[in-house]
Amino acid sequence: MRLVKRLVVVLTSVMILGVIVIIGLLVTQIARSPAPFGLPDHVSLPEGARAQAVTLSRDWVLVVTEDQIVLVFDRRSGTLVHQLDLPEAPDDDIATN
């Protein structure tokens, strides 16, 4: 009977320590969340352009303007790398889908 009692005490101790370790690991991992992407110091949109959407990547910042123009900026320097005009979707296709 003493053996069973010792086994129960050891098992309980191991379980308590395991729960403490798991909680500690969860807290430290949640606290180490990655820093959010930051915008470059300077991104100049063309005259009269207003941003509608912005997407961030490691190497570039993509801006979609209200005029349906896609602007790709270098993330580090903020310089315009590429510009792409999106084709307009016909109104009939939108209504039928």
PDB file of N, CA and C in Angstrom:
ATOM      1  N   MET A   1       0.806  -1.189   0.000  1.00  0.00           N
ATOM      2  CA  MET A   1       0.000   0.000   0.000  1.00  0.00           C
ATOM      3  C   MET A   1       0.857   1.264   0.000  1.00  0.00           C
ATOM      4  N   ARG A   2       1.988   1.177   0.709  1.00  0.00           N
ATOM      5  CA  ARG A   2       2.886   2.337   0.729  1.00  0.00           C
ATOM      6  C   ARG A   2       3.412   2.641  -0.665  1.00  0.00           C
ATOM      7  N   LEU A   3       3.688   1.611  -1.453  1.00  0.00           N
ATOM      8  CA  LEU A   3       4.175   1.800  -2.813  1.00  0.00           C
ATOM      9  C   LEU A   3       3.134   2.547  -3.660  1.00  0.00           C
ATOM     10  N   VAL A   4       1.888   2.165  -3.531  1.00  0.00           N
ATOM     11  CA  VAL A   4       0.821   2.826  -4.288  1.00  0.00           C
ATOM     12  C   VAL A   4       0.709   4.287  -3.857  1.00  0.00           C
ATOM     13  N   LYS A   5       0.807   4.539  -2.562  1.00  0.00           N
ATOM     14  CA  LYS A   5       0.724   5.904  -2.046  1.00  0.00           C
ATOM     15  C   LYS A   5       1.870   6.748  -2.609  1.00  0.00           C
ATOM     16  N   ARG A   6       3.074   6.208  -2.635  1.00  0.00           N
ATOM     17  CA  ARG A   6       4.214   6.949  -3.186  1.00  0.00           C
ATOM     18  C   ARG A   6       4.044   7.195  -4.684  1.00  0.00           C
ATOM     19  N   LEU A   7       3.567   6.207  -5.385  1.00  0.00           N
ATOM     20  CA  LEU A   7       3.328   6.373  -6.816  1.00  0.00           C
ATOM     21  C   LEU A   7       2.298   7.470  -7.099  1.00  0.00           C
ATOM     22  N   VAL A   8       1.250   7.528  -6.300  1.00  0.00           N
ATOM     23  CA  VAL A   8       0.227   8.568  -6.469  1.00  0.00           C
ATOM     24  C   VAL A   8       0.822   9.941  -6.195  1.00  0.00           C
ATOM     25  N   VAL A   9       1.638  10.053  -5.161  1.00  0.00           N
ATOM     26  CA  VAL A   9       2.267  11.341  -4.842  1.00  0.00           C
ATOM     27  C   VAL A   9       3.213  11.759  -5.959  1.00  0.00           C
ATOM     28  N   VAL A  10       4.017  10.836  -6.470  1.00  0.00           N
ATOM     29  CA  VAL A  10       4.945  11.149  -7.564  1.00  0.00           C
ATOM     30  C   VAL A  10       4.171  11.539  -8.821  1.00  0.00           C
ATOM     31  N   LEU A  11       3.139  10.803  -9.150  1.00  0.00           N
ATOM     32  CA  LEU A  11       2.344  11.111 -10.336  1.00  0.00           C
ATOM     33  C   LEU A  11       1.684  12.477 -10.216  1.00  0.00           C
ATOM     34  N   THR A  12       1.151  12.789  -9.059  1.00  0.00           N
ATOM     35  CA  THR A  12       0.522  14.094  -8.837  1.00  0.00           C
ATOM     36  C   THR A  12       1.554  15.207  -8.977  1.00  0.00           C
ATOM     37  N   SER A  13       2.728  15.006  -8.415  1.00  0.00           N
ATOM     38  CA  SER A  13       3.783  16.015  -8.513  1.00  0.00           C
ATOM     39  C   SER A  13       4.206  16.237  -9.958  1.00  0.00           C
ATOM     40  N   VAL A  14       4.380  15.161 -10.697  1.00  0.00           N
ATOM     41  CA  VAL A  14       4.771  15.265 -12.102  1.00  0.00           C
ATOM     42  C   VAL A  14       3.684  15.974 -12.903  1.00  0.00           C
ATOM     43  N   MET A  15       2.434  15.682 -12.642  1.00  0.00           N
ATOM     44  CA  MET A  15       1.341  16.339 -13.362  1.00  0.00           C
ATOM     45  C   MET A  15       1.294  17.826 -13.052  1.00  0.00           C
ATOM     46  N   ILE A  16       1.477  18.198 -11.796  1.00  0.00           N
ATOM     47  CA  ILE A  16       1.467  19.615 -11.419  1.00  0.00           C
ATOM     48  C   ILE A  16       2.630  20.343 -12.093  1.00  0.00           C
ATOM     49  N   LEU A  17       3.823  19.755 -12.057  1.00  0.00           N
ATOM     50  CA  LEU A  17       4.971  20.364 -12.725  1.00  0.00           C
ATOM     51  C   LEU A  17       4.751  20.466 -14.237  1.00  0.00           C
ATOM     52  N   GLY A  18       4.151  19.463 -14.834  1.00  0.00           N
ATOM     53  CA  GLY A  18       3.862  19.493 -16.266  1.00  0.00           C
ATOM     54  C   GLY A  18       2.914  20.620 -16.640  1.00  0.00           C
ATOM     55  N   VAL A  19       1.878  20.816 -15.846  1.00  0.00           N
ATOM     56  CA  VAL A  19       0.926  21.903 -16.110  1.00  0.00           C
ATOM     57  C   VAL A  19       1.626  23.251 -15.968  1.00  0.00           C
ATOM     58  N   ILE A  20       2.479  23.393 -14.963  1.00  0.00           N
ATOM     59  CA  ILE A  20       3.212  24.650 -14.771  1.00  0.00           C
ATOM     60  C   ILE A  20       4.139  24.918 -15.952  1.00  0.00           C
ATOM     61  N   VAL A  21       4.817  23.889 -16.434  1.00  0.00           N
ATOM     62  CA  VAL A  21       5.708  24.048 -17.583  1.00  0.00           C
ATOM     63  C   VAL A  21       4.918  24.431 -18.826  1.00  0.00           C
ATOM     64  N   ILE A  22       3.801  23.782 -19.075  1.00  0.00           N
ATOM     65  CA  ILE A  22       2.986  24.094 -20.252  1.00  0.00           C
ATOM     66  C   ILE A  22       2.472  25.523 -20.184  1.00  0.00           C
ATOM     67  N   ILE A  23       1.978  25.949 -19.049  1.00  0.00           N
ATOM     68  CA  ILE A  23       1.497  27.325 -18.907  1.00  0.00           C
ATOM     69  C   ILE A  23       2.649  28.305 -19.106  1.00  0.00           C
ATOM     70  N   GLY A  24       3.811  28.006 -18.550  1.00  0.00           N
ATOM     71  CA  GLY A  24       4.969  28.875 -18.741  1.00  0.00           C
ATOM     72  C   GLY A  24       5.375  28.993 -20.202  1.00  0.00           C
ATOM     73  N   LEU A  25       5.374  27.875 -20.913  1.00  0.00           N
ATOM     74  CA  LEU A  25       5.706  27.911 -22.336  1.00  0.00           C
ATOM     75  C   LEU A  25       4.690  28.707 -23.141  1.00  0.00           C
ATOM     76  N   LEU A  26       3.417  28.539 -22.837  1.00  0.00           N
ATOM     77  CA  LEU A  26       2.387  29.308 -23.540  1.00  0.00           C
ATOM     78  C   LEU A  26       2.560  30.801 -23.305  1.00  0.00           C
ATOM     79  N   VAL A  27       2.812  31.189 -22.073  1.00  0.00           N
ATOM     80  CA  VAL A  27       2.966  32.614 -21.755  1.00  0.00           C
ATOM     81  C   VAL A  27       4.183  33.191 -22.467  1.00  0.00           C
ATOM     82  N   THR A  28       5.295  32.484 -22.472  1.00  0.00           N
ATOM     83  CA  THR A  28       6.488  33.025 -23.119  1.00  0.00           C
ATOM     84  C   THR A  28       6.339  33.075 -24.635  1.00  0.00           C
ATOM     85  N   GLN A  29       5.659  32.105 -25.232  1.00  0.00           N
ATOM     86  CA  GLN A  29       5.481  32.114 -26.680  1.00  0.00           C
ATOM     87  C   GLN A  29       4.512  33.202 -27.116  1.00  0.00           C
ATOM     88  N   ILE A  30       3.471  33.433 -26.359  1.00  0.00           N
ATOM     89  CA  ILE A  30       2.512  34.490 -26.700  1.00  0.00           C
ATOM     90  C   ILE A  30       3.169  35.852 -26.549  1.00  0.00           C
ATOM     91  N   ALA A  31       4.019  36.008 -25.557  1.00  0.00           N
ATOM     92  CA  ALA A  31       4.689  37.286 -25.333  1.00  0.00           C
ATOM     93  C   ALA A  31       5.717  37.573 -26.431  1.00  0.00           C
ATOM     94  N   ARG A  32       6.204  36.542 -27.107  1.00  0.00           N
ATOM     95  CA  ARG A  32       7.204  36.727 -28.154  1.00  0.00           C
ATOM     96  C   ARG A  32       6.583  36.857 -29.537  1.00  0.00           C
ATOM     97  N   SER A  33       5.408  37.403 -29.651  1.00  0.00           N
ATOM     98  CA  SER A  33       4.774  37.542 -30.961  1.00  0.00           C
ATOM     99  C   SER A  33       5.627  38.461 -31.834  1.00  0.00           C
ATOM    100  N   PRO A  34       5.681  38.209 -33.135  1.00  0.00           N
ATOM    101  CA  PRO A  34       6.530  39.018 -34.009  1.00  0.00           C
ATOM    102  C   PRO A  34       6.043  40.458 -34.090  1.00  0.00           C
ATOM    103  N   ALA A  35       6.984  41.349 -34.289  1.00  0.00           N
ATOM    104  CA  ALA A  35       6.640  42.774 -34.404  1.00  0.00           C
ATOM    105  C   ALA A  35       5.856  42.988 -35.699  1.00  0.00           C
ATOM    106  N   PRO A  36       4.889  43.880 -35.679  1.00  0.00           N
ATOM    107  CA  PRO A  36       4.118  44.139 -36.902  1.00  0.00           C
ATOM    108  C   PRO A  36       4.995  44.798 -37.963  1.00  0.00           C
ATOM    109  N   PHE A  37       4.604  44.603 -39.220  1.00  0.00           N
ATOM    110  CA  PHE A  37       5.328  45.236 -40.314  1.00  0.00           C
ATOM    111  C   PHE A  37       5.180  46.745 -40.195  1.00  0.00           C
ATOM    112  N   GLY A  38       6.262  47.457 -40.368  1.00  0.00           N
ATOM    113  CA  GLY A  38       6.214  48.910 -40.349  1.00  0.00           C
ATOM    114  C   GLY A  38       6.274  49.457 -41.761  1.00  0.00           C
ATOM    115  N   LEU A  39       5.687  50.592 -41.957  1.00  0.00           N
ATOM    116  CA  LEU A  39       5.742  51.250 -43.256  1.00  0.00           C
ATOM    117  C   LEU A  39       7.077  51.959 -43.408  1.00  0.00           C
ATOM    118  N   PRO A  40       7.528  52.153 -44.647  1.00  0.00           N
ATOM    119  CA  PRO A  40       8.742  52.934 -44.853  1.00  0.00           C
ATOM    120  C   PRO A  40       8.522  54.369 -44.369  1.00  0.00           C
ATOM    121  N   ASP A  41       9.611  55.064 -44.123  1.00  0.00           N
ATOM    122  CA  ASP A  41       9.507  56.441 -43.645  1.00  0.00           C
ATOM    123  C   ASP A  41       8.829  57.349 -44.659  1.00  0.00           C
ATOM    124  N   HIS A  42       9.022  57.058 -45.947  1.00  0.00           N
ATOM    125  CA  HIS A  42       8.503  57.975 -46.950  1.00  0.00           C
ATOM    126  C   HIS A  42       7.988  57.188 -48.164  1.00  0.00           C
ATOM    127  N   VAL A  43       6.687  57.256 -48.425  1.00  0.00           N
ATOM    128  CA  VAL A  43       6.071  56.690 -49.626  1.00  0.00           C
ATOM    129  C   VAL A  43       5.268  57.803 -50.262  1.00  0.00           C
ATOM    130  N   SER A  44       5.623  58.169 -51.497  1.00  0.00           N
ATOM    131  CA  SER A  44       4.943  59.279 -52.181  1.00  0.00           C
ATOM    132  C   SER A  44       4.007  58.733 -53.243  1.00  0.00           C
ATOM    133  N   LEU A  45       2.728  58.973 -53.063  1.00  0.00           N
ATOM    134  CA  LEU A  45       1.752  58.597 -54.081  1.00  0.00           C
ATOM    135  C   LEU A  45       1.754  59.660 -55.174  1.00  0.00           C
ATOM    136  N   PRO A  46       1.399  59.275 -56.406  1.00  0.00           N
ATOM    137  CA  PRO A  46       1.310  60.271 -57.482  1.00  0.00           C
ATOM    138  C   PRO A  46       0.279  61.344 -57.148  1.00  0.00           C
ATOM    139  N   GLU A  47       0.414  62.489 -57.776  1.00  0.00           N
ATOM    140  CA  GLU A  47      -0.473  63.634 -57.545  1.00  0.00           C
ATOM    141  C   GLU A  47      -1.940  63.231 -57.739  1.00  0.00           C
ATOM    142  N   GLY A  48      -2.763  63.497 -56.762  1.00  0.00           N
ATOM    143  CA  GLY A  48      -4.193  63.241 -56.829  1.00  0.00           C
ATOM    144  C   GLY A  48      -4.609  61.807 -56.511  1.00  0.00           C
ATOM    145  N   ALA A  49      -3.658  60.923 -56.288  1.00  0.00           N
ATOM    146  CA  ALA A  49      -3.987  59.521 -55.996  1.00  0.00           C
ATOM    147  C   ALA A  49      -4.312  59.367 -54.511  1.00  0.00           C
ATOM    148  N   ARG A  50      -5.346  58.568 -54.240  1.00  0.00           N
ATOM    149  CA  ARG A  50      -5.730  58.265 -52.850  1.00  0.00           C
ATOM    150  C   ARG A  50      -5.709  56.758 -52.664  1.00  0.00           C
ATOM    151  N   ALA A  51      -5.091  56.324 -51.589  1.00  0.00           N
ATOM    152  CA  ALA A  51      -4.948  54.886 -51.335  1.00  0.00           C
ATOM    153  C   ALA A  51      -6.289  54.279 -50.949  1.00  0.00           C
ATOM    154  N   GLN A  52      -6.592  53.153 -51.553  1.00  0.00           N
ATOM    155  CA  GLN A  52      -7.794  52.398 -51.214  1.00  0.00           C
ATOM    156  C   GLN A  52      -7.434  51.168 -50.385  1.00  0.00           C
ATOM    157  N   ALA A  53      -6.283  50.554 -50.685  1.00  0.00           N
ATOM    158  CA  ALA A  53      -5.838  49.369 -49.953  1.00  0.00           C
ATOM    159  C   ALA A  53      -4.309  49.349 -49.931  1.00  0.00           C
ATOM    160  N   VAL A  54      -3.770  48.801 -48.853  1.00  0.00           N
ATOM    161  CA  VAL A  54      -2.317  48.688 -48.704  1.00  0.00           C
ATOM    162  C   VAL A  54      -1.997  47.260 -48.270  1.00  0.00           C
ATOM    163  N   THR A  55      -1.016  46.662 -48.928  1.00  0.00           N
ATOM    164  CA  THR A  55      -0.553  45.333 -48.574  1.00  0.00           C
ATOM    165  C   THR A  55       0.942  45.400 -48.316  1.00  0.00           C
ATOM    166  N   LEU A  56       1.368  44.771 -47.215  1.00  0.00           N
ATOM    167  CA  LEU A  56       2.783  44.817 -46.839  1.00  0.00           C
ATOM    168  C   LEU A  56       3.426  43.462 -47.045  1.00  0.00           C
ATOM    169  N   SER A  57       4.670  43.491 -47.482  1.00  0.00           N
ATOM    170  CA  SER A  57       5.482  42.291 -47.621  1.00  0.00           C
ATOM    171  C   SER A  57       6.845  42.596 -47.017  1.00  0.00           C
ATOM    172  N   ARG A  58       7.719  41.602 -47.008  1.00  0.00           N
ATOM    173  CA  ARG A  58       9.064  41.851 -46.482  1.00  0.00           C
ATOM    174  C   ARG A  58       9.829  42.837 -47.334  1.00  0.00           C
ATOM    175  N   ASP A  59       9.637  42.759 -48.649  1.00  0.00           N
ATOM    176  CA  ASP A  59      10.451  43.552 -49.571  1.00  0.00           C
ATOM    177  C   ASP A  59       9.715  44.713 -50.227  1.00  0.00           C
ATOM    178  N   TRP A  60       8.386  44.731 -50.180  1.00  0.00           N
ATOM    179  CA  TRP A  60       7.658  45.773 -50.888  1.00  0.00           C
ATOM    180  C   TRP A  60       6.377  46.165 -50.173  1.00  0.00           C
ATOM    181  N   VAL A  61       5.840  47.311 -50.578  1.00  0.00           N
ATOM    182  CA  VAL A  61       4.540  47.797 -50.119  1.00  0.00           C
ATOM    183  C   VAL A  61       3.697  47.980 -51.367  1.00  0.00           C
ATOM    184  N   LEU A  62       2.536  47.352 -51.409  1.00  0.00           N
ATOM    185  CA  LEU A  62       1.639  47.446 -52.550  1.00  0.00           C
ATOM    186  C   LEU A  62       0.460  48.334 -52.172  1.00  0.00           C
ATOM    187  N   VAL A  63       0.201  49.354 -52.993  1.00  0.00           N
ATOM    188  CA  VAL A  63      -0.896  50.287 -52.740  1.00  0.00           C
ATOM    189  C   VAL A  63      -1.842  50.244 -53.936  1.00  0.00           C
ATOM    190  N   VAL A  64      -3.126  50.033 -53.672  1.00  0.00           N
ATOM    191  CA  VAL A  64      -4.153  50.113 -54.713  1.00  0.00           C
ATOM    192  C   VAL A  64      -4.866  51.437 -54.506  1.00  0.00           C
ATOM    193  N   THR A  65      -4.899  52.255 -55.555  1.00  0.00           N
ATOM    194  CA  THR A  65      -5.532  53.571 -55.447  1.00  0.00           C
ATOM    195  C   THR A  65      -7.008  53.480 -55.821  1.00  0.00           C
ATOM    196  N   GLU A  66      -7.726  54.539 -55.536  1.00  0.00           N
ATOM    197  CA  GLU A  66      -9.158  54.592 -55.884  1.00  0.00           C
ATOM    198  C   GLU A  66      -9.371  54.586 -57.389  1.00  0.00           C
ATOM    199  N   ASP A  67      -8.330  54.962 -58.151  1.00  0.00           N
ATOM    200  CA  ASP A  67      -8.403  54.966 -59.617  1.00  0.00           C
ATOM    201  C   ASP A  67      -8.046  53.599 -60.201  1.00  0.00           C
ATOM    202  N   GLN A  68      -7.965  52.546 -59.355  1.00  0.00           N
ATOM    203  CA  GLN A  68      -7.633  51.178 -59.763  1.00  0.00           C
ATOM    204  C   GLN A  68      -6.245  51.091 -60.387  1.00  0.00           C
ATOM    205  N   ILE A  69      -5.294  51.755 -59.763  1.00  0.00           N
ATOM    206  CA  ILE A  69      -3.892  51.669 -60.156  1.00  0.00           C
ATOM    207  C   ILE A  69      -3.143  50.985 -59.022  1.00  0.00           C
ATOM    208  N   VAL A  70      -2.328  49.996 -59.366  1.00  0.00           N
ATOM    209  CA  VAL A  70      -1.532  49.287 -58.376  1.00  0.00           C
ATOM    210  C   VAL A  70      -0.127  49.882 -58.386  1.00  0.00           C
ATOM    211  N   LEU A  71       0.328  50.322 -57.227  1.00  0.00           N
ATOM    212  CA  LEU A  71       1.655  50.908 -57.086  1.00  0.00           C
ATOM    213  C   LEU A  71       2.479  50.000 -56.171  1.00  0.00           C
ATOM    214  N   VAL A  72       3.655  49.616 -56.622  1.00  0.00           N
ATOM    215  CA  VAL A  72       4.543  48.765 -55.828  1.00  0.00           C
ATOM    216  C   VAL A  72       5.750  49.603 -55.426  1.00  0.00           C
ATOM    217  N   PHE A  73       5.952  49.731 -54.111  1.00  0.00           N
ATOM    218  CA  PHE A  73       7.060  50.519 -53.569  1.00  0.00           C
ATOM    219  C   PHE A  73       8.072  49.594 -52.913  1.00  0.00           C
ATOM    220  N   ASP A  74       9.344  49.954 -52.998  1.00  0.00           N
ATOM    221  CA  ASP A  74      10.389  49.237 -52.275  1.00  0.00           C
ATOM    222  C   ASP A  74      10.201  49.501 -50.786  1.00  0.00           C
ATOM    223  N   ARG A  75      10.280  48.471 -49.994  1.00  0.00           N
ATOM    224  CA  ARG A  75       9.995  48.596 -48.558  1.00  0.00           C
ATOM    225  C   ARG A  75      11.050  49.414 -47.836  1.00  0.00           C
ATOM    226  N   ARG A  76      12.303  49.254 -48.197  1.00  0.00           N
ATOM    227  CA  ARG A  76      13.371  49.940 -47.481  1.00  0.00           C
ATOM    228  C   ARG A  76      13.490  51.410 -47.865  1.00  0.00           C
ATOM    229  N   SER A  77      13.458  51.679 -49.166  1.00  0.00           N
ATOM    230  CA  SER A  77      13.683  53.053 -49.621  1.00  0.00           C
ATOM    231  C   SER A  77      12.396  53.844 -49.816  1.00  0.00           C
ATOM    232  N   GLY A  78      11.277  53.156 -50.043  1.00  0.00           N
ATOM    233  CA  GLY A  78      10.013  53.838 -50.282  1.00  0.00           C
ATOM    234  C   GLY A  78       9.862  54.345 -51.708  1.00  0.00           C
ATOM    235  N   THR A  79      10.760  53.959 -52.602  1.00  0.00           N
ATOM    236  CA  THR A  79      10.675  54.419 -53.983  1.00  0.00           C
ATOM    237  C   THR A  79       9.704  53.551 -54.782  1.00  0.00           C
ATOM    238  N   LEU A  80       9.063  54.170 -55.761  1.00  0.00           N
ATOM    239  CA  LEU A  80       8.116  53.470 -56.620  1.00  0.00           C
ATOM    240  C   LEU A  80       8.890  52.540 -57.547  1.00  0.00           C
ATOM    241  N   VAL A  81       8.567  51.248 -57.494  1.00  0.00           N
ATOM    242  CA  VAL A  81       9.259  50.244 -58.292  1.00  0.00           C
ATOM    243  C   VAL A  81       8.462  49.909 -59.553  1.00  0.00           C
ATOM    244  N   HIS A  82       7.137  49.808 -59.403  1.00  0.00           N
ATOM    245  CA  HIS A  82       6.313  49.391 -60.532  1.00  0.00           C
ATOM    246  C   HIS A  82       4.914  49.982 -60.396  1.00  0.00           C
ATOM    247  N   GLN A  83       4.285  50.257 -61.540  1.00  0.00           N
ATOM    248  CA  GLN A  83       2.918  50.775 -61.565  1.00  0.00           C
ATOM    249  C   GLN A  83       2.122  49.961 -62.572  1.00  0.00           C
ATOM    250  N   LEU A  84       0.912  49.558 -62.192  1.00  0.00           N
ATOM    251  CA  LEU A  84       0.093  48.704 -63.038  1.00  0.00           C
ATOM    252  C   LEU A  84      -1.338  49.210 -63.004  1.00  0.00           C
ATOM    253  N   ASP A  85      -1.937  49.431 -64.181  1.00  0.00           N
ATOM    254  CA  ASP A  85      -3.342  49.830 -64.263  1.00  0.00           C
ATOM    255  C   ASP A  85      -4.208  48.578 -64.307  1.00  0.00           C
ATOM    256  N   LEU A  86      -5.173  48.487 -63.403  1.00  0.00           N
ATOM    257  CA  LEU A  86      -6.090  47.353 -63.394  1.00  0.00           C
ATOM    258  C   LEU A  86      -7.175  47.563 -64.447  1.00  0.00           C
ATOM    259  N   PRO A  87      -7.529  46.518 -65.179  1.00  0.00           N
ATOM    260  CA  PRO A  87      -8.621  46.666 -66.142  1.00  0.00           C
ATOM    261  C   PRO A  87      -9.953  46.817 -65.414  1.00  0.00           C
ATOM    262  N   GLU A  88     -10.832  47.587 -66.007  1.00  0.00           N
ATOM    263  CA  GLU A  88     -12.152  47.770 -65.404  1.00  0.00           C
ATOM    264  C   GLU A  88     -13.018  46.566 -65.712  1.00  0.00           C
ATOM    265  N   ALA A  89     -13.746  46.106 -64.716  1.00  0.00           N
ATOM    266  CA  ALA A  89     -14.660  44.975 -64.910  1.00  0.00           C
ATOM    267  C   ALA A  89     -15.974  45.507 -65.466  1.00  0.00           C
ATOM    268  N   PRO A  90     -16.524  44.832 -66.470  1.00  0.00           N
ATOM    269  CA  PRO A  90     -17.823  45.251 -66.998  1.00  0.00           C
ATOM    270  C   PRO A  90     -18.896  45.116 -65.923  1.00  0.00           C
ATOM    271  N   ASP A  91     -19.822  46.052 -65.887  1.00  0.00           N
ATOM    272  CA  ASP A  91     -20.893  46.028 -64.888  1.00  0.00           C
ATOM    273  C   ASP A  91     -21.797  44.824 -65.055  1.00  0.00           C
ATOM    274  N   ASP A  92     -21.971  44.309 -66.286  1.00  0.00           N
ATOM    275  CA  ASP A  92     -22.850  43.160 -66.522  1.00  0.00           C
ATOM    276  C   ASP A  92     -22.336  41.905 -65.814  1.00  0.00           C
ATOM    277  N   ASP A  93     -21.019  41.697 -65.804  1.00  0.00           N
ATOM    278  CA  ASP A  93     -20.436  40.513 -65.157  1.00  0.00           C
ATOM    279  C   ASP A  93     -20.671  40.537 -63.660  1.00  0.00           C
ATOM    280  N   ILE A  94     -20.593  41.698 -63.063  1.00  0.00           N
ATOM    281  CA  ILE A  94     -20.782  41.807 -61.609  1.00  0.00           C
ATOM    282  C   ILE A  94     -22.222  41.507 -61.236  1.00  0.00           C
ATOM    283  N   ALA A  95     -23.167  41.985 -62.027  1.00  0.00           N
ATOM    284  CA  ALA A  95     -24.579  41.803 -61.713  1.00  0.00           C
ATOM    285  C   ALA A  95     -25.026  40.342 -61.861  1.00  0.00           C
ATOM    286  N   THR A  96     -24.411  39.601 -62.804  1.00  0.00           N
ATOM    287  CA  THR A  96     -24.848  38.228 -63.039  1.00  0.00           C
ATOM    288  C   THR A  96     -24.193  37.223 -62.104  1.00  0.00           C
ATOM    289  N   ASN A  97     -23.084  37.580 -61.485  1.00  0.00           N
ATOM    290  CA  ASN A  97     -22.391  36.621 -60.606  1.00  0.00           C
ATOM    291  C   ASN A  97     -22.992  36.599 -59.279  1.00  0.00           C
TER     292      ASN A  97
END
